[in-house]
Amino acid sequence: AWADYYGMANIEQNREVNDSTIFITASISKTVTTTAIMQLWEEGEFDLDDDVNNYLPDSLDISNPAYPETPITFRHLLTHTSSIKSASLWNYMIYGEDPTISLMDFTRGFMMPGGEYEPDGSAYNAYLPGSNFNYCDTGNALLAVLVEQIADTSFNAYCHANIFEPLGMDLTAWYFAD
């Protein structure tokens, strides 16, 4: 019924935003990821308080080493209380290019001891999962991996089939190439 556009797409070139301007989603991706995982929850695929390890390959163990008996749950990931350290995913990609590693490989490399992307000796904060809020980009990446594992398809394909296409979001994509 109504649409308008505000701001500059490129200040140096004095180019205004319009209906063809491409935006990088950044944190808005959390809304899409949450929608995807909650669709699977609505279908009865898991309970919010389930241990996420029950839905991941055995080669990927998500648990805070300081609290190995306390499972990290979907609820923890969704509420940013998992105790997983946050890291900007921008640190692991080249701006303007599609990622060269899969969500699973990033997650394994970040969250497993000795992983290629593990920060400062541990991917976990020193507090009990569920006890503290800590905004967490990497927890969102783990939710996307869980969508892939539960739905048995790529996160990209799941979002296109179950979110973007039903909403008529024909110009929406996860990758620059798309």
N, C-alpha and C. Protein backbone atom coordinates (compact mmCIF):
# COMPACT_ATOMS: atom_id res chain seq x y z
N ALA A 1 0.82 -1.19 0.00
CA ALA A 1 0.00 0.00 0.00
C ALA A 1 0.86 1.25 0.00
N TRP A 2 2.03 1.18 0.64
CA TRP A 2 2.90 2.34 0.73
C TRP A 2 4.34 1.89 0.87
N ALA A 3 5.22 2.56 0.19
CA ALA A 3 6.65 2.31 0.35
C ALA A 3 7.40 3.60 0.10
N ASP A 4 8.47 3.80 0.83
CA ASP A 4 9.33 4.94 0.60
C ASP A 4 10.73 4.56 1.06
N TYR A 5 11.71 5.34 0.70
CA TYR A 5 13.10 5.00 0.97
C TYR A 5 13.81 6.25 1.46
N TYR A 6 14.65 6.06 2.45
CA TYR A 6 15.32 7.19 3.08
C TYR A 6 16.81 6.90 3.21
N GLY A 7 17.60 7.92 3.11
CA GLY A 7 19.02 7.78 3.35
C GLY A 7 19.83 7.69 2.07
N MET A 8 21.13 7.54 2.27
CA MET A 8 22.06 7.50 1.16
C MET A 8 22.63 6.09 1.02
N ALA A 9 22.59 5.57 -0.19
CA ALA A 9 23.23 4.29 -0.48
C ALA A 9 24.73 4.47 -0.61
N ASN A 10 25.14 5.64 -1.11
CA ASN A 10 26.56 5.95 -1.25
C ASN A 10 26.72 7.46 -1.12
N ILE A 11 27.28 7.90 -0.02
CA ILE A 11 27.41 9.33 0.25
C ILE A 11 28.36 9.98 -0.75
N GLU A 12 29.51 9.32 -1.00
CA GLU A 12 30.51 9.90 -1.91
C GLU A 12 29.95 10.13 -3.30
N GLN A 13 29.09 9.23 -3.76
CA GLN A 13 28.50 9.33 -5.11
C GLN A 13 27.14 10.05 -5.09
N ASN A 14 26.72 10.52 -3.91
CA ASN A 14 25.43 11.18 -3.73
C ASN A 14 24.28 10.33 -4.30
N ARG A 15 24.35 9.01 -4.05
CA ARG A 15 23.33 8.08 -4.54
C ARG A 15 22.39 7.74 -3.40
N GLU A 16 21.10 8.02 -3.60
CA GLU A 16 20.08 7.77 -2.58
C GLU A 16 19.65 6.30 -2.57
N VAL A 17 19.13 5.87 -1.43
CA VAL A 17 18.54 4.53 -1.30
C VAL A 17 17.28 4.48 -2.17
N ASN A 18 17.07 3.33 -2.83
CA ASN A 18 15.85 3.12 -3.61
C ASN A 18 15.42 1.67 -3.47
N ASP A 19 14.41 1.27 -4.24
CA ASP A 19 13.88 -0.09 -4.10
C ASP A 19 14.83 -1.17 -4.61
N SER A 20 15.95 -0.79 -5.21
CA SER A 20 16.93 -1.77 -5.69
C SER A 20 18.22 -1.77 -4.86
N THR A 21 18.26 -0.99 -3.80
CA THR A 21 19.46 -0.92 -2.96
C THR A 21 19.64 -2.24 -2.21
N ILE A 22 20.85 -2.76 -2.27
CA ILE A 22 21.17 -4.00 -1.57
C ILE A 22 21.72 -3.67 -0.18
N PHE A 23 21.17 -4.33 0.84
CA PHE A 23 21.62 -4.15 2.21
C PHE A 23 22.16 -5.46 2.75
N ILE A 24 23.22 -5.39 3.53
CA ILE A 24 23.71 -6.55 4.26
C ILE A 24 22.86 -6.67 5.52
N THR A 25 22.38 -7.87 5.82
CA THR A 25 21.39 -8.01 6.88
C THR A 25 21.94 -7.81 8.29
N ALA A 26 23.16 -8.20 8.55
CA ALA A 26 23.76 -8.07 9.88
C ALA A 26 22.84 -8.64 10.95
N SER A 27 22.56 -7.91 12.03
CA SER A 27 21.82 -8.47 13.15
C SER A 27 20.36 -8.77 12.85
N ILE A 28 19.81 -8.23 11.78
CA ILE A 28 18.43 -8.60 11.42
C ILE A 28 18.36 -10.09 11.09
N SER A 29 19.51 -10.69 10.79
CA SER A 29 19.53 -12.13 10.50
C SER A 29 19.05 -12.94 11.71
N LYS A 30 19.20 -12.39 12.91
CA LYS A 30 18.72 -13.10 14.10
C LYS A 30 17.21 -13.30 14.07
N THR A 31 16.49 -12.33 13.50
CA THR A 31 15.04 -12.46 13.37
C THR A 31 14.69 -13.63 12.44
N VAL A 32 15.41 -13.75 11.35
CA VAL A 32 15.16 -14.84 10.40
C VAL A 32 15.55 -16.18 11.02
N THR A 33 16.70 -16.22 11.68
CA THR A 33 17.16 -17.46 12.32
C THR A 33 16.17 -17.90 13.40
N THR A 34 15.70 -16.95 14.19
CA THR A 34 14.73 -17.27 15.23
C THR A 34 13.43 -17.77 14.62
N THR A 35 13.00 -17.16 13.54
CA THR A 35 11.79 -17.61 12.85
C THR A 35 11.96 -19.05 12.40
N ALA A 36 13.09 -19.36 11.79
CA ALA A 36 13.35 -20.72 11.29
C ALA A 36 13.32 -21.74 12.42
N ILE A 37 14.04 -21.46 13.51
CA ILE A 37 14.10 -22.44 14.59
C ILE A 37 12.75 -22.58 15.27
N MET A 38 12.01 -21.48 15.40
CA MET A 38 10.69 -21.56 16.05
C MET A 38 9.66 -22.26 15.16
N GLN A 39 9.82 -22.19 13.85
CA GLN A 39 8.95 -22.98 12.97
C GLN A 39 9.14 -24.47 13.26
N LEU A 40 10.40 -24.88 13.44
CA LEU A 40 10.67 -26.29 13.74
C LEU A 40 10.15 -26.66 15.13
N TRP A 41 10.25 -25.73 16.07
CA TRP A 41 9.68 -25.97 17.41
C TRP A 41 8.16 -26.15 17.31
N GLU A 42 7.50 -25.27 16.51
CA GLU A 42 6.05 -25.38 16.34
C GLU A 42 5.65 -26.73 15.74
N GLU A 43 6.53 -27.31 14.94
CA GLU A 43 6.27 -28.62 14.33
C GLU A 43 6.57 -29.77 15.30
N GLY A 44 7.01 -29.43 16.51
CA GLY A 44 7.27 -30.45 17.52
C GLY A 44 8.61 -31.16 17.36
N GLU A 45 9.53 -30.54 16.66
CA GLU A 45 10.83 -31.18 16.40
C GLU A 45 11.75 -31.19 17.62
N PHE A 46 11.52 -30.31 18.57
CA PHE A 46 12.33 -30.24 19.79
C PHE A 46 11.58 -29.45 20.84
N ASP A 47 12.04 -29.53 22.07
CA ASP A 47 11.53 -28.70 23.16
C ASP A 47 12.56 -27.62 23.47
N LEU A 48 12.12 -26.47 23.89
CA LEU A 48 13.03 -25.34 24.13
C LEU A 48 14.09 -25.65 25.19
N ASP A 49 13.79 -26.54 26.11
CA ASP A 49 14.75 -26.86 27.16
C ASP A 49 15.55 -28.12 26.88
N ASP A 50 15.50 -28.62 25.65
CA ASP A 50 16.33 -29.76 25.25
C ASP A 50 17.80 -29.34 25.15
N ASP A 51 18.68 -30.27 25.47
CA ASP A 51 20.12 -30.11 25.27
C ASP A 51 20.36 -30.07 23.76
N VAL A 52 21.02 -29.02 23.27
CA VAL A 52 21.25 -28.91 21.82
C VAL A 52 22.12 -30.04 21.29
N ASN A 53 22.93 -30.65 22.15
CA ASN A 53 23.78 -31.75 21.71
C ASN A 53 22.98 -32.95 21.19
N ASN A 54 21.72 -33.06 21.64
CA ASN A 54 20.88 -34.16 21.17
C ASN A 54 20.55 -34.03 19.69
N TYR A 55 20.83 -32.87 19.09
CA TYR A 55 20.47 -32.60 17.70
C TYR A 55 21.69 -32.33 16.82
N LEU A 56 22.87 -32.52 17.40
CA LEU A 56 24.12 -32.26 16.69
C LEU A 56 24.90 -33.55 16.49
N PRO A 57 25.79 -33.58 15.51
CA PRO A 57 26.63 -34.77 15.35
C PRO A 57 27.48 -35.01 16.59
N ASP A 58 27.82 -36.26 16.83
CA ASP A 58 28.64 -36.59 18.00
C ASP A 58 29.98 -35.87 18.00
N SER A 59 30.45 -35.48 16.81
CA SER A 59 31.75 -34.82 16.71
C SER A 59 31.71 -33.37 17.18
N LEU A 60 30.55 -32.88 17.51
CA LEU A 60 30.40 -31.50 17.97
C LEU A 60 29.73 -31.52 19.34
N ASP A 61 30.51 -31.19 20.38
CA ASP A 61 30.00 -31.17 21.75
C ASP A 61 29.94 -29.74 22.23
N ILE A 62 28.72 -29.25 22.44
CA ILE A 62 28.52 -27.88 22.89
C ILE A 62 28.24 -27.92 24.39
N SER A 63 29.26 -27.62 25.17
CA SER A 63 29.09 -27.55 26.63
C SER A 63 30.18 -26.69 27.22
N ASN A 64 29.80 -25.93 28.22
CA ASN A 64 30.75 -25.07 28.91
C ASN A 64 31.63 -25.95 29.79
N PRO A 65 32.95 -25.97 29.53
CA PRO A 65 33.83 -26.85 30.30
C PRO A 65 33.81 -26.60 31.80
N ALA A 66 33.44 -25.39 32.22
CA ALA A 66 33.35 -25.09 33.65
C ALA A 66 32.08 -25.68 34.27
N TYR A 67 31.10 -26.02 33.41
CA TYR A 67 29.82 -26.58 33.89
C TYR A 67 29.39 -27.71 32.95
N PRO A 68 30.18 -28.78 32.87
CA PRO A 68 29.89 -29.84 31.89
C PRO A 68 28.58 -30.58 32.13
N GLU A 69 28.04 -30.52 33.33
CA GLU A 69 26.79 -31.22 33.62
C GLU A 69 25.55 -30.37 33.32
N THR A 70 25.75 -29.10 32.99
CA THR A 70 24.63 -28.21 32.69
C THR A 70 24.50 -28.08 31.18
N PRO A 71 23.45 -28.63 30.61
CA PRO A 71 23.31 -28.57 29.15
C PRO A 71 23.01 -27.15 28.67
N ILE A 72 23.48 -26.86 27.47
CA ILE A 72 23.10 -25.63 26.79
C ILE A 72 21.87 -25.97 25.95
N THR A 73 20.83 -25.17 26.12
CA THR A 73 19.53 -25.47 25.51
C THR A 73 19.18 -24.46 24.40
N PHE A 74 18.14 -24.80 23.67
CA PHE A 74 17.61 -23.88 22.67
C PHE A 74 17.20 -22.56 23.33
N ARG A 75 16.56 -22.67 24.48
CA ARG A 75 16.13 -21.47 25.21
C ARG A 75 17.33 -20.59 25.55
N HIS A 76 18.43 -21.19 25.97
CA HIS A 76 19.64 -20.42 26.28
C HIS A 76 20.13 -19.68 25.04
N LEU A 77 20.15 -20.37 23.91
CA LEU A 77 20.62 -19.73 22.68
C LEU A 77 19.69 -18.59 22.26
N LEU A 78 18.40 -18.83 22.35
CA LEU A 78 17.42 -17.82 21.93
C LEU A 78 17.40 -16.59 22.83
N THR A 79 17.74 -16.76 24.09
CA THR A 79 17.72 -15.64 25.04
C THR A 79 19.11 -15.09 25.33
N HIS A 80 20.11 -15.54 24.59
CA HIS A 80 21.49 -15.07 24.76
C HIS A 80 21.99 -15.31 26.18
N THR A 81 21.66 -16.47 26.73
CA THR A 81 22.11 -16.83 28.08
C THR A 81 22.88 -18.16 28.07
N SER A 82 23.44 -18.53 26.94
CA SER A 82 24.07 -19.85 26.79
C SER A 82 25.44 -19.96 27.46
N SER A 83 26.07 -18.87 27.78
CA SER A 83 27.44 -18.75 28.28
C SER A 83 28.48 -18.89 27.17
N ILE A 84 28.04 -19.01 25.92
CA ILE A 84 28.96 -19.03 24.79
C ILE A 84 29.43 -17.59 24.56
N LYS A 85 30.73 -17.43 24.34
CA LYS A 85 31.27 -16.09 24.08
C LYS A 85 30.77 -15.61 22.72
N SER A 86 30.54 -14.33 22.66
CA SER A 86 30.13 -13.73 21.39
C SER A 86 31.36 -13.32 20.60
N ALA A 87 31.27 -13.53 19.33
CA ALA A 87 32.31 -13.05 18.41
C ALA A 87 31.60 -12.57 17.17
N SER A 88 32.00 -11.43 16.70
CA SER A 88 31.41 -10.93 15.47
C SER A 88 31.82 -11.84 14.32
N LEU A 89 30.84 -12.32 13.60
CA LEU A 89 31.14 -13.19 12.47
C LEU A 89 31.87 -12.42 11.37
N TRP A 90 31.83 -11.09 11.43
CA TRP A 90 32.57 -10.28 10.47
C TRP A 90 34.07 -10.55 10.59
N ASN A 91 34.52 -10.98 11.76
CA ASN A 91 35.94 -11.28 11.95
C ASN A 91 36.39 -12.48 11.15
N TYR A 92 35.46 -13.27 10.65
CA TYR A 92 35.80 -14.52 9.98
C TYR A 92 35.41 -14.51 8.50
N MET A 93 35.17 -13.32 7.97
CA MET A 93 34.83 -13.24 6.56
C MET A 93 35.44 -12.00 5.95
N ILE A 94 35.43 -11.95 4.63
CA ILE A 94 35.92 -10.79 3.91
C ILE A 94 34.71 -10.00 3.46
N TYR A 95 34.65 -8.74 3.87
CA TYR A 95 33.49 -7.90 3.56
C TYR A 95 33.23 -7.89 2.06
N GLY A 96 31.97 -8.12 1.70
CA GLY A 96 31.56 -8.10 0.31
C GLY A 96 31.73 -9.43 -0.41
N GLU A 97 32.19 -10.44 0.29
CA GLU A 97 32.37 -11.76 -0.32
C GLU A 97 31.59 -12.80 0.48
N ASP A 98 31.17 -13.84 -0.22
CA ASP A 98 30.47 -14.93 0.45
C ASP A 98 31.45 -15.70 1.34
N PRO A 99 30.94 -16.29 2.44
CA PRO A 99 31.83 -17.06 3.31
C PRO A 99 32.43 -18.25 2.58
N THR A 100 33.62 -18.61 3.00
CA THR A 100 34.30 -19.75 2.40
C THR A 100 34.23 -20.99 3.29
N ILE A 101 33.65 -20.85 4.48
CA ILE A 101 33.48 -22.00 5.37
C ILE A 101 31.99 -22.16 5.68
N SER A 102 31.60 -23.38 5.96
CA SER A 102 30.19 -23.66 6.27
C SER A 102 29.89 -23.24 7.71
N LEU A 103 28.61 -23.12 8.01
CA LEU A 103 28.19 -22.83 9.38
C LEU A 103 28.69 -23.90 10.34
N MET A 104 28.62 -25.16 9.91
CA MET A 104 29.08 -26.26 10.76
C MET A 104 30.58 -26.16 11.02
N ASP A 105 31.35 -25.89 9.96
CA ASP A 105 32.80 -25.80 10.15
C ASP A 105 33.17 -24.62 11.05
N PHE A 106 32.47 -23.49 10.89
CA PHE A 106 32.73 -22.36 11.77
C PHE A 106 32.40 -22.73 13.21
N THR A 107 31.23 -23.33 13.41
CA THR A 107 30.79 -23.68 14.76
C THR A 107 31.77 -24.66 15.40
N ARG A 108 32.16 -25.67 14.66
CA ARG A 108 33.13 -26.64 15.18
C ARG A 108 34.45 -25.94 15.50
N GLY A 109 34.93 -25.09 14.62
CA GLY A 109 36.21 -24.41 14.81
C GLY A 109 36.19 -23.38 15.92
N PHE A 110 35.02 -22.84 16.23
CA PHE A 110 34.90 -21.83 17.29
C PHE A 110 34.64 -22.45 18.65
N MET A 111 33.78 -23.44 18.71
CA MET A 111 33.29 -23.93 20.00
C MET A 111 33.99 -25.18 20.53
N MET A 112 34.78 -25.82 19.70
CA MET A 112 35.47 -27.02 20.18
C MET A 112 36.87 -26.65 20.68
N PRO A 113 37.31 -27.24 21.80
CA PRO A 113 38.65 -26.94 22.32
C PRO A 113 39.71 -27.16 21.25
N GLY A 114 40.58 -26.17 21.10
CA GLY A 114 41.65 -26.27 20.11
C GLY A 114 41.20 -25.97 18.69
N GLY A 115 39.95 -25.53 18.53
CA GLY A 115 39.43 -25.24 17.21
C GLY A 115 40.13 -24.06 16.56
N GLU A 116 40.10 -24.04 15.25
CA GLU A 116 40.78 -23.02 14.46
C GLU A 116 40.34 -21.59 14.79
N TYR A 117 39.09 -21.42 15.19
CA TYR A 117 38.56 -20.09 15.45
C TYR A 117 38.29 -19.84 16.93
N GLU A 118 38.71 -20.77 17.79
CA GLU A 118 38.43 -20.65 19.22
C GLU A 118 39.09 -19.39 19.79
N PRO A 119 38.31 -18.58 20.51
CA PRO A 119 38.87 -17.33 21.04
C PRO A 119 39.55 -17.50 22.38
N ASP A 120 40.71 -16.94 22.54
CA ASP A 120 41.39 -16.83 23.84
C ASP A 120 41.32 -18.09 24.70
N GLY A 121 41.48 -19.25 24.14
CA GLY A 121 41.53 -20.47 24.91
C GLY A 121 40.20 -21.09 25.26
N SER A 122 39.09 -20.38 25.11
CA SER A 122 37.79 -20.97 25.38
C SER A 122 36.69 -20.17 24.70
N ALA A 123 35.72 -20.86 24.18
CA ALA A 123 34.56 -20.23 23.54
C ALA A 123 33.45 -19.95 24.55
N TYR A 124 33.73 -20.20 25.82
CA TYR A 124 32.70 -20.09 26.85
C TYR A 124 33.10 -19.11 27.93
N ASN A 125 32.11 -18.39 28.44
CA ASN A 125 32.32 -17.52 29.58
C ASN A 125 32.30 -18.37 30.85
N ALA A 126 32.84 -17.82 31.94
CA ALA A 126 32.98 -18.57 33.19
C ALA A 126 31.75 -18.47 34.07
N TYR A 127 30.57 -18.59 33.47
CA TYR A 127 29.36 -18.61 34.28
C TYR A 127 28.42 -19.69 33.78
N LEU A 128 27.54 -20.12 34.66
CA LEU A 128 26.59 -21.19 34.41
C LEU A 128 25.66 -20.84 33.25
N PRO A 129 25.50 -21.74 32.28
CA PRO A 129 24.52 -21.49 31.22
C PRO A 129 23.14 -21.20 31.83
N GLY A 130 22.50 -20.15 31.30
CA GLY A 130 21.19 -19.75 31.78
C GLY A 130 21.22 -18.70 32.87
N SER A 131 22.41 -18.35 33.38
CA SER A 131 22.47 -17.44 34.52
C SER A 131 22.73 -15.99 34.15
N ASN A 132 23.31 -15.71 33.00
CA ASN A 132 23.65 -14.33 32.62
C ASN A 132 23.30 -14.09 31.16
N PHE A 133 22.91 -12.84 30.87
CA PHE A 133 22.66 -12.42 29.50
C PHE A 133 23.97 -11.93 28.89
N ASN A 134 24.26 -12.39 27.68
CA ASN A 134 25.42 -11.93 26.93
C ASN A 134 25.08 -12.04 25.45
N TYR A 135 24.82 -10.91 24.81
CA TYR A 135 24.46 -10.89 23.38
C TYR A 135 25.46 -11.73 22.61
N CYS A 136 24.96 -12.66 21.80
CA CYS A 136 25.85 -13.68 21.26
C CYS A 136 25.58 -14.00 19.79
N ASP A 137 26.41 -13.43 18.91
CA ASP A 137 26.34 -13.74 17.48
C ASP A 137 26.62 -15.22 17.21
N THR A 138 27.58 -15.78 17.91
CA THR A 138 27.96 -17.17 17.67
C THR A 138 26.85 -18.14 18.09
N GLY A 139 26.07 -17.77 19.09
CA GLY A 139 24.91 -18.59 19.45
C GLY A 139 23.88 -18.61 18.34
N ASN A 140 23.75 -17.50 17.64
CA ASN A 140 22.84 -17.43 16.50
C ASN A 140 23.33 -18.32 15.37
N ALA A 141 24.64 -18.34 15.15
CA ALA A 141 25.21 -19.25 14.14
C ALA A 141 24.92 -20.71 14.51
N LEU A 142 25.02 -21.02 15.81
CA LEU A 142 24.71 -22.38 16.27
C LEU A 142 23.24 -22.71 16.02
N LEU A 143 22.34 -21.75 16.23
CA LEU A 143 20.92 -21.98 15.93
C LEU A 143 20.73 -22.31 14.45
N ALA A 144 21.46 -21.63 13.58
CA ALA A 144 21.37 -21.93 12.14
C ALA A 144 21.86 -23.35 11.85
N VAL A 145 22.91 -23.77 12.53
CA VAL A 145 23.40 -25.15 12.38
C VAL A 145 22.32 -26.13 12.85
N LEU A 146 21.66 -25.80 13.94
CA LEU A 146 20.59 -26.67 14.46
C LEU A 146 19.43 -26.75 13.46
N VAL A 147 19.10 -25.65 12.80
CA VAL A 147 18.07 -25.70 11.75
C VAL A 147 18.51 -26.70 10.67
N GLU A 148 19.76 -26.61 10.25
CA GLU A 148 20.27 -27.53 9.22
C GLU A 148 20.17 -28.99 9.67
N GLN A 149 20.54 -29.25 10.90
CA GLN A 149 20.54 -30.62 11.41
C GLN A 149 19.12 -31.17 11.55
N ILE A 150 18.23 -30.37 12.10
CA ILE A 150 16.86 -30.83 12.35
C ILE A 150 16.07 -30.95 11.05
N ALA A 151 16.24 -29.98 10.15
CA ALA A 151 15.48 -29.98 8.90
C ALA A 151 16.15 -30.81 7.81
N ASP A 152 17.39 -31.23 8.04
CA ASP A 152 18.16 -32.02 7.08
C ASP A 152 18.26 -31.33 5.73
N THR A 153 18.58 -30.04 5.78
CA THR A 153 18.81 -29.25 4.58
C THR A 153 19.69 -28.06 4.96
N SER A 154 20.22 -27.36 3.98
CA SER A 154 21.04 -26.19 4.30
C SER A 154 20.17 -25.09 4.90
N PHE A 155 20.78 -24.26 5.71
CA PHE A 155 20.06 -23.14 6.31
C PHE A 155 19.51 -22.24 5.21
N ASN A 156 20.31 -21.99 4.21
CA ASN A 156 19.92 -21.17 3.07
C ASN A 156 18.66 -21.73 2.41
N ALA A 157 18.66 -23.02 2.10
CA ALA A 157 17.51 -23.64 1.43
C ALA A 157 16.28 -23.63 2.34
N TYR A 158 16.47 -23.89 3.63
CA TYR A 158 15.35 -23.88 4.56
C TYR A 158 14.69 -22.49 4.59
N CYS A 159 15.51 -21.46 4.72
CA CYS A 159 14.95 -20.10 4.81
C CYS A 159 14.23 -19.71 3.53
N HIS A 160 14.80 -20.06 2.39
CA HIS A 160 14.13 -19.73 1.13
C HIS A 160 12.78 -20.42 1.02
N ALA A 161 12.74 -21.71 1.32
CA ALA A 161 11.50 -22.48 1.16
C ALA A 161 10.44 -22.16 2.21
N ASN A 162 10.87 -21.85 3.43
CA ASN A 162 9.92 -21.73 4.54
C ASN A 162 9.68 -20.31 5.05
N ILE A 163 10.51 -19.38 4.63
CA ILE A 163 10.34 -18.00 5.10
C ILE A 163 10.25 -17.03 3.92
N PHE A 164 11.31 -16.96 3.12
CA PHE A 164 11.36 -15.95 2.05
C PHE A 164 10.30 -16.17 0.98
N GLU A 165 10.21 -17.37 0.44
CA GLU A 165 9.22 -17.63 -0.62
C GLU A 165 7.79 -17.44 -0.14
N PRO A 166 7.38 -18.01 1.01
CA PRO A 166 6.00 -17.79 1.46
C PRO A 166 5.66 -16.31 1.69
N LEU A 167 6.65 -15.52 2.04
CA LEU A 167 6.41 -14.10 2.28
C LEU A 167 6.57 -13.24 1.02
N GLY A 168 6.87 -13.89 -0.10
CA GLY A 168 7.06 -13.15 -1.35
C GLY A 168 8.33 -12.31 -1.36
N MET A 169 9.32 -12.72 -0.58
CA MET A 169 10.59 -11.98 -0.51
C MET A 169 11.52 -12.49 -1.61
N ASP A 170 11.16 -12.14 -2.84
CA ASP A 170 11.85 -12.68 -4.02
C ASP A 170 13.26 -12.15 -4.20
N LEU A 171 13.58 -11.04 -3.61
CA LEU A 171 14.91 -10.44 -3.76
C LEU A 171 15.75 -10.58 -2.50
N THR A 172 15.42 -11.57 -1.68
CA THR A 172 16.13 -11.79 -0.43
C THR A 172 17.03 -13.01 -0.56
N ALA A 173 18.28 -12.89 -0.11
CA ALA A 173 19.24 -14.00 -0.20
C ALA A 173 20.25 -13.88 0.93
N TRP A 174 20.84 -15.00 1.29
CA TRP A 174 21.89 -15.02 2.30
C TRP A 174 23.25 -14.71 1.70
N TYR A 175 23.43 -14.98 0.42
CA TYR A 175 24.74 -14.87 -0.21
C TYR A 175 24.78 -13.77 -1.26
N PHE A 176 25.91 -13.08 -1.36
CA PHE A 176 26.09 -12.06 -2.39
C PHE A 176 25.87 -12.65 -3.77
N ALA A 177 26.34 -13.87 -3.99
CA ALA A 177 26.22 -14.51 -5.30
C ALA A 177 24.74 -14.66 -5.71
N ASP A 178 23.86 -14.74 -4.74
CA ASP A 178 22.44 -14.91 -5.04
C ASP A 178 21.72 -13.58 -5.21
